[in-house]
Amino acid sequence: MSQTKVARTIYINSDQVEALKKLSDRTKVPQAVYVREALDMLLDKYSEQLKFEFKDSFKERAVQKDLGF
């Protein structure tokens, strides 16, 4: 059950770029995966303020990730 991904341009600090690159190089996990994971965590944190049910979607993706989907 794959969701469509949409390209976005973001501006982040050079320190964040370097840390993300090192993490990705060491773990062999693409940088985009970490960015999406961070966004999931942020949206989950603020889901009450956004007035939408993000938690179920987040949990579903977490389960899929655990199962290797």
PDB file of N, CA and C in Angstrom:
ATOM      1  N   MET A   1       0.847  -1.176   0.000  1.00  0.00           N
ATOM      2  CA  MET A   1       0.000   0.000   0.000  1.00  0.00           C
ATOM      3  C   MET A   1       0.896   1.244   0.000  1.00  0.00           C
ATOM      4  N   SER A   2       1.326   1.643  -1.184  1.00  0.00           N
ATOM      5  CA  SER A   2       2.258   2.758  -1.304  1.00  0.00           C
ATOM      6  C   SER A   2       1.514   4.053  -1.579  1.00  0.00           C
ATOM      7  N   GLN A   3       1.928   5.105  -0.887  1.00  0.00           N
ATOM      8  CA  GLN A   3       1.325   6.419  -1.115  1.00  0.00           C
ATOM      9  C   GLN A   3       2.118   7.160  -2.167  1.00  0.00           C
ATOM     10  N   THR A   4       1.446   8.001  -2.933  1.00  0.00           N
ATOM     11  CA  THR A   4       2.123   8.823  -3.925  1.00  0.00           C
ATOM     12  C   THR A   4       2.990   9.847  -3.215  1.00  0.00           C
ATOM     13  N   LYS A   5       4.203   9.986  -3.696  1.00  0.00           N
ATOM     14  CA  LYS A   5       5.122  10.959  -3.104  1.00  0.00           C
ATOM     15  C   LYS A   5       5.154  12.195  -3.998  1.00  0.00           C
ATOM     16  N   VAL A   6       5.238  13.367  -3.372  1.00  0.00           N
ATOM     17  CA  VAL A   6       5.257  14.639  -4.075  1.00  0.00           C
ATOM     18  C   VAL A   6       6.573  15.334  -3.765  1.00  0.00           C
ATOM     19  N   ALA A   7       7.254  15.802  -4.794  1.00  0.00           N
ATOM     20  CA  ALA A   7       8.534  16.499  -4.598  1.00  0.00           C
ATOM     21  C   ALA A   7       8.294  17.867  -3.962  1.00  0.00           C
ATOM     22  N   ARG A   8       9.149  18.229  -3.014  1.00  0.00           N
ATOM     23  CA  ARG A   8       9.099  19.526  -2.337  1.00  0.00           C
ATOM     24  C   ARG A   8      10.522  20.022  -2.183  1.00  0.00           C
ATOM     25  N   THR A   9      10.692  21.330  -2.234  1.00  0.00           N
ATOM     26  CA  THR A   9      11.983  21.942  -1.958  1.00  0.00           C
ATOM     27  C   THR A   9      11.932  22.535  -0.567  1.00  0.00           C
ATOM     28  N   ILE A  10      12.920  22.199   0.247  1.00  0.00           N
ATOM     29  CA  ILE A  10      12.990  22.746   1.601  1.00  0.00           C
ATOM     30  C   ILE A  10      14.387  23.327   1.817  1.00  0.00           C
ATOM     31  N   TYR A  11      14.468  24.270   2.720  1.00  0.00           N
ATOM     32  CA  TYR A  11      15.746  24.870   3.071  1.00  0.00           C
ATOM     33  C   TYR A  11      16.062  24.495   4.508  1.00  0.00           C
ATOM     34  N   ILE A  12      17.209  23.840   4.686  1.00  0.00           N
ATOM     35  CA  ILE A  12      17.621  23.449   6.028  1.00  0.00           C
ATOM     36  C   ILE A  12      19.049  23.937   6.258  1.00  0.00           C
ATOM     37  N   ASN A  13      19.422  24.017   7.524  1.00  0.00           N
ATOM     38  CA  ASN A  13      20.752  24.503   7.891  1.00  0.00           C
ATOM     39  C   ASN A  13      21.837  23.557   7.381  1.00  0.00           C
ATOM     40  N   SER A  14      23.001  24.106   7.094  1.00  0.00           N
ATOM     41  CA  SER A  14      24.104  23.281   6.597  1.00  0.00           C
ATOM     42  C   SER A  14      24.502  22.208   7.614  1.00  0.00           C
ATOM     43  N   ASP A  15      24.386  22.514   8.906  1.00  0.00           N
ATOM     44  CA  ASP A  15      24.677  21.505   9.933  1.00  0.00           C
ATOM     45  C   ASP A  15      23.711  20.329   9.827  1.00  0.00           C
ATOM     46  N   GLN A  16      22.453  20.629   9.550  1.00  0.00           N
ATOM     47  CA  GLN A  16      21.452  19.575   9.405  1.00  0.00           C
ATOM     48  C   GLN A  16      21.733  18.734   8.162  1.00  0.00           C
ATOM     49  N   VAL A  17      22.156  19.402   7.094  1.00  0.00           N
ATOM     50  CA  VAL A  17      22.485  18.691   5.853  1.00  0.00           C
ATOM     51  C   VAL A  17      23.624  17.702   6.107  1.00  0.00           C
ATOM     52  N   GLU A  18      24.671  18.169   6.758  1.00  0.00           N
ATOM     53  CA  GLU A  18      25.823  17.321   7.037  1.00  0.00           C
ATOM     54  C   GLU A  18      25.456  16.143   7.934  1.00  0.00           C
ATOM     55  N   ALA A  19      24.684  16.414   8.991  1.00  0.00           N
ATOM     56  CA  ALA A  19      24.290  15.346   9.910  1.00  0.00           C
ATOM     57  C   ALA A  19      23.413  14.312   9.193  1.00  0.00           C
ATOM     58  N   LEU A  20      22.487  14.784   8.373  1.00  0.00           N
ATOM     59  CA  LEU A  20      21.609  13.887   7.629  1.00  0.00           C
ATOM     60  C   LEU A  20      22.406  13.047   6.640  1.00  0.00           C
ATOM     61  N   LYS A  21      23.345  13.660   5.959  1.00  0.00           N
ATOM     62  CA  LYS A  21      24.186  12.938   5.003  1.00  0.00           C
ATOM     63  C   LYS A  21      25.028  11.870   5.710  1.00  0.00           C
ATOM     64  N   LYS A  22      25.637  12.219   6.834  1.00  0.00           N
ATOM     65  CA  LYS A  22      26.439  11.242   7.579  1.00  0.00           C
ATOM     66  C   LYS A  22      25.581  10.073   8.053  1.00  0.00           C
ATOM     67  N   LEU A  23      24.396  10.397   8.580  1.00  0.00           N
ATOM     68  CA  LEU A  23      23.493   9.343   9.050  1.00  0.00           C
ATOM     69  C   LEU A  23      23.124   8.412   7.897  1.00  0.00           C
ATOM     70  N   SER A  24      22.778   9.006   6.782  1.00  0.00           N
ATOM     71  CA  SER A  24      22.394   8.232   5.605  1.00  0.00           C
ATOM     72  C   SER A  24      23.557   7.373   5.093  1.00  0.00           C
ATOM     73  N   ASP A  25      24.742   7.958   5.038  1.00  0.00           N
ATOM     74  CA  ASP A  25      25.917   7.207   4.577  1.00  0.00           C
ATOM     75  C   ASP A  25      26.219   6.021   5.492  1.00  0.00           C
ATOM     76  N   ARG A  26      26.097   6.236   6.784  1.00  0.00           N
ATOM     77  CA  ARG A  26      26.430   5.177   7.748  1.00  0.00           C
ATOM     78  C   ARG A  26      25.388   4.067   7.799  1.00  0.00           C
ATOM     79  N   THR A  27      24.140   4.436   7.615  1.00  0.00           N
ATOM     80  CA  THR A  27      23.061   3.451   7.750  1.00  0.00           C
ATOM     81  C   THR A  27      22.577   2.897   6.416  1.00  0.00           C
ATOM     82  N   LYS A  28      22.978   3.556   5.327  1.00  0.00           N
ATOM     83  CA  LYS A  28      22.525   3.170   3.973  1.00  0.00           C
ATOM     84  C   LYS A  28      21.022   3.354   3.798  1.00  0.00           C
ATOM     85  N   VAL A  29      20.431   4.212   4.634  1.00  0.00           N
ATOM     86  CA  VAL A  29      19.017   4.564   4.519  1.00  0.00           C
ATOM     87  C   VAL A  29      18.961   5.917   3.801  1.00  0.00           C
ATOM     88  N   PRO A  30      18.156   6.042   2.738  1.00  0.00           N
ATOM     89  CA  PRO A  30      18.096   7.304   2.007  1.00  0.00           C
ATOM     90  C   PRO A  30      17.694   8.482   2.899  1.00  0.00           C
ATOM     91  N   GLN A  31      18.260   9.638   2.605  1.00  0.00           N
ATOM     92  CA  GLN A  31      17.957  10.846   3.367  1.00  0.00           C
ATOM     93  C   GLN A  31      16.461  11.144   3.356  1.00  0.00           C
ATOM     94  N   ALA A  32      15.814  10.928   2.235  1.00  0.00           N
ATOM     95  CA  ALA A  32      14.379  11.208   2.122  1.00  0.00           C
ATOM     96  C   ALA A  32      13.562  10.391   3.111  1.00  0.00           C
ATOM     97  N   VAL A  33      14.000   9.185   3.406  1.00  0.00           N
ATOM     98  CA  VAL A  33      13.294   8.337   4.378  1.00  0.00           C
ATOM     99  C   VAL A  33      13.334   8.996   5.749  1.00  0.00           C
ATOM    100  N   TYR A  34      14.497   9.525   6.127  1.00  0.00           N
ATOM    101  CA  TYR A  34      14.611  10.201   7.420  1.00  0.00           C
ATOM    102  C   TYR A  34      13.788  11.485   7.463  1.00  0.00           C
ATOM    103  N   VAL A  35      13.756  12.218   6.362  1.00  0.00           N
ATOM    104  CA  VAL A  35      12.962  13.455   6.318  1.00  0.00           C
ATOM    105  C   VAL A  35      11.480  13.127   6.456  1.00  0.00           C
ATOM    106  N   ARG A  36      11.015  12.094   5.751  1.00  0.00           N
ATOM    107  CA  ARG A  36       9.603  11.696   5.869  1.00  0.00           C
ATOM    108  C   ARG A  36       9.278  11.225   7.278  1.00  0.00           C
ATOM    109  N   GLU A  37      10.192  10.481   7.892  1.00  0.00           N
ATOM    110  CA  GLU A  37       9.981  10.014   9.264  1.00  0.00           C
ATOM    111  C   GLU A  37       9.883  11.206  10.225  1.00  0.00           C
ATOM    112  N   ALA A  38      10.760  12.194  10.039  1.00  0.00           N
ATOM    113  CA  ALA A  38      10.723  13.386  10.895  1.00  0.00           C
ATOM    114  C   ALA A  38       9.416  14.149  10.710  1.00  0.00           C
ATOM    115  N   LEU A  39       8.938  14.255   9.469  1.00  0.00           N
ATOM    116  CA  LEU A  39       7.659  14.922   9.223  1.00  0.00           C
ATOM    117  C   LEU A  39       6.505  14.167   9.867  1.00  0.00           C
ATOM    118  N   ASP A  40       6.537  12.850   9.785  1.00  0.00           N
ATOM    119  CA  ASP A  40       5.498  12.049  10.444  1.00  0.00           C
ATOM    120  C   ASP A  40       5.472  12.340  11.938  1.00  0.00           C
ATOM    121  N   MET A  41       6.651  12.387  12.550  1.00  0.00           N
ATOM    122  CA  MET A  41       6.736  12.658  13.993  1.00  0.00           C
ATOM    123  C   MET A  41       6.220  14.061  14.316  1.00  0.00           C
ATOM    124  N   LEU A  42       6.568  15.048  13.510  1.00  0.00           N
ATOM    125  CA  LEU A  42       6.122  16.425  13.725  1.00  0.00           C
ATOM    126  C   LEU A  42       4.603  16.543  13.570  1.00  0.00           C
ATOM    127  N   LEU A  43       4.069  15.950  12.519  1.00  0.00           N
ATOM    128  CA  LEU A  43       2.624  16.020  12.297  1.00  0.00           C
ATOM    129  C   LEU A  43       1.854  15.264  13.376  1.00  0.00           C
ATOM    130  N   ASP A  44       2.408  14.175  13.848  1.00  0.00           N
ATOM    131  CA  ASP A  44       1.783  13.450  14.948  1.00  0.00           C
ATOM    132  C   ASP A  44       1.757  14.327  16.199  1.00  0.00           C
ATOM    133  N   LYS A  45       2.861  14.993  16.470  1.00  0.00           N
ATOM    134  CA  LYS A  45       2.965  15.867  17.644  1.00  0.00           C
ATOM    135  C   LYS A  45       1.907  16.966  17.614  1.00  0.00           C
ATOM    136  N   TYR A  46       1.640  17.533  16.465  1.00  0.00           N
ATOM    137  CA  TYR A  46       0.726  18.662  16.348  1.00  0.00           C
ATOM    138  C   TYR A  46      -0.646  18.290  15.774  1.00  0.00           C
ATOM    139  N   SER A  47      -0.953  17.008  15.714  1.00  0.00           N
ATOM    140  CA  SER A  47      -2.210  16.576  15.100  1.00  0.00           C
ATOM    141  C   SER A  47      -3.439  17.161  15.796  1.00  0.00           C
ATOM    142  N   GLU A  48      -3.375  17.341  17.102  1.00  0.00           N
ATOM    143  CA  GLU A  48      -4.510  17.921  17.821  1.00  0.00           C
ATOM    144  C   GLU A  48      -4.764  19.359  17.362  1.00  0.00           C
ATOM    145  N   GLN A  49      -3.714  20.113  17.158  1.00  0.00           N
ATOM    146  CA  GLN A  49      -3.850  21.503  16.713  1.00  0.00           C
ATOM    147  C   GLN A  49      -4.314  21.592  15.264  1.00  0.00           C
ATOM    148  N   LEU A  50      -3.974  20.608  14.468  1.00  0.00           N
ATOM    149  CA  LEU A  50      -4.333  20.622  13.052  1.00  0.00           C
ATOM    150  C   LEU A  50      -5.751  20.113  12.814  1.00  0.00           C
ATOM    151  N   LYS A  51      -6.344  19.536  13.842  1.00  0.00           N
ATOM    152  CA  LYS A  51      -7.727  19.053  13.778  1.00  0.00           C
ATOM    153  C   LYS A  51      -7.950  18.000  12.687  1.00  0.00           C
ATOM    154  N   PHE A  52      -7.001  17.121  12.541  1.00  0.00           N
ATOM    155  CA  PHE A  52      -7.222  15.980  11.660  1.00  0.00           C
ATOM    156  C   PHE A  52      -6.586  14.757  12.303  1.00  0.00           C
ATOM    157  N   GLU A  53      -7.066  13.631  11.899  1.00  0.00           N
ATOM    158  CA  GLU A  53      -6.604  12.393  12.511  1.00  0.00           C
ATOM    159  C   GLU A  53      -5.408  11.860  11.745  1.00  0.00           C
ATOM    160  N   PHE A  54      -4.247  12.297  12.130  1.00  0.00           N
ATOM    161  CA  PHE A  54      -3.011  11.858  11.507  1.00  0.00           C
ATOM    162  C   PHE A  54      -2.469  10.608  12.200  1.00  0.00           C
ATOM    163  N   LYS A  55      -2.794  10.449  13.455  1.00  0.00           N
ATOM    164  CA  LYS A  55      -2.210   9.362  14.245  1.00  0.00           C
ATOM    165  C   LYS A  55      -2.496   7.987  13.650  1.00  0.00           C
ATOM    166  N   ASP A  56      -3.698   7.742  13.158  1.00  0.00           N
ATOM    167  CA  ASP A  56      -4.012   6.443  12.579  1.00  0.00           C
ATOM    168  C   ASP A  56      -3.164   6.192  11.345  1.00  0.00           C
ATOM    169  N   SER A  57      -3.030   7.206  10.507  1.00  0.00           N
ATOM    170  CA  SER A  57      -2.226   7.077   9.303  1.00  0.00           C
ATOM    171  C   SER A  57      -0.766   6.834   9.668  1.00  0.00           C
ATOM    172  N   PHE A  58      -0.286   7.555  10.668  1.00  0.00           N
ATOM    173  CA  PHE A  58       1.094   7.403  11.127  1.00  0.00           C
ATOM    174  C   PHE A  58       1.320   5.991  11.662  1.00  0.00           C
ATOM    175  N   LYS A  59       0.386   5.516  12.466  1.00  0.00           N
ATOM    176  CA  LYS A  59       0.513   4.175  13.036  1.00  0.00           C
ATOM    177  C   LYS A  59       0.503   3.112  11.940  1.00  0.00           C
ATOM    178  N   GLU A  60      -0.359   3.313  10.927  1.00  0.00           N
ATOM    179  CA  GLU A  60      -0.435   2.361   9.829  1.00  0.00           C
ATOM    180  C   GLU A  60       0.902   2.294   9.085  1.00  0.00           C
ATOM    181  N   ARG A  61       1.521   3.457   8.821  1.00  0.00           N
ATOM    182  CA  ARG A  61       2.816   3.480   8.140  1.00  0.00           C
ATOM    183  C   ARG A  61       3.897   2.849   9.013  1.00  0.00           C
ATOM    184  N   ALA A  62       3.830   3.047  10.311  1.00  0.00           N
ATOM    185  CA  ALA A  62       4.812   2.458  11.221  1.00  0.00           C
ATOM    186  C   ALA A  62       4.714   0.933  11.191  1.00  0.00           C
ATOM    187  N   VAL A  63       3.491   0.425  11.171  1.00  0.00           N
ATOM    188  CA  VAL A  63       3.288  -1.019  11.108  1.00  0.00           C
ATOM    189  C   VAL A  63       3.812  -1.560   9.781  1.00  0.00           C
ATOM    190  N   GLN A  64       3.517  -0.867   8.688  1.00  0.00           N
ATOM    191  CA  GLN A  64       3.998  -1.294   7.380  1.00  0.00           C
ATOM    192  C   GLN A  64       5.517  -1.292   7.361  1.00  0.00           C
ATOM    193  N   LYS A  65       6.122  -0.283   7.971  1.00  0.00           N
ATOM    194  CA  LYS A  65       7.583  -0.205   8.016  1.00  0.00           C
ATOM    195  C   LYS A  65       8.151  -1.387   8.794  1.00  0.00           C
ATOM    196  N   ASP A  66       7.512  -1.732   9.929  1.00  0.00           N
ATOM    197  CA  ASP A  66       7.953  -2.862  10.742  1.00  0.00           C
ATOM    198  C   ASP A  66       7.841  -4.187   9.979  1.00  0.00           C
ATOM    199  N   LEU A  67       6.825  -4.260   9.118  1.00  0.00           N
ATOM    200  CA  LEU A  67       6.602  -5.493   8.356  1.00  0.00           C
ATOM    201  C   LEU A  67       7.426  -5.531   7.070  1.00  0.00           C
ATOM    202  N   GLY A  68       8.125  -4.443   6.773  1.00  0.00           N
ATOM    203  CA  GLY A  68       8.972  -4.419   5.589  1.00  0.00           C
ATOM    204  C   GLY A  68       8.288  -3.961   4.325  1.00  0.00           C
ATOM    205  N   PHE A  69       7.157  -3.300   4.446  1.00  0.00           N
ATOM    206  CA  PHE A  69       6.450  -2.788   3.253  1.00  0.00           C
ATOM    207  C   PHE A  69       6.966  -1.447   2.851  1.00  0.00           C
TER     208      PHE A  69
END
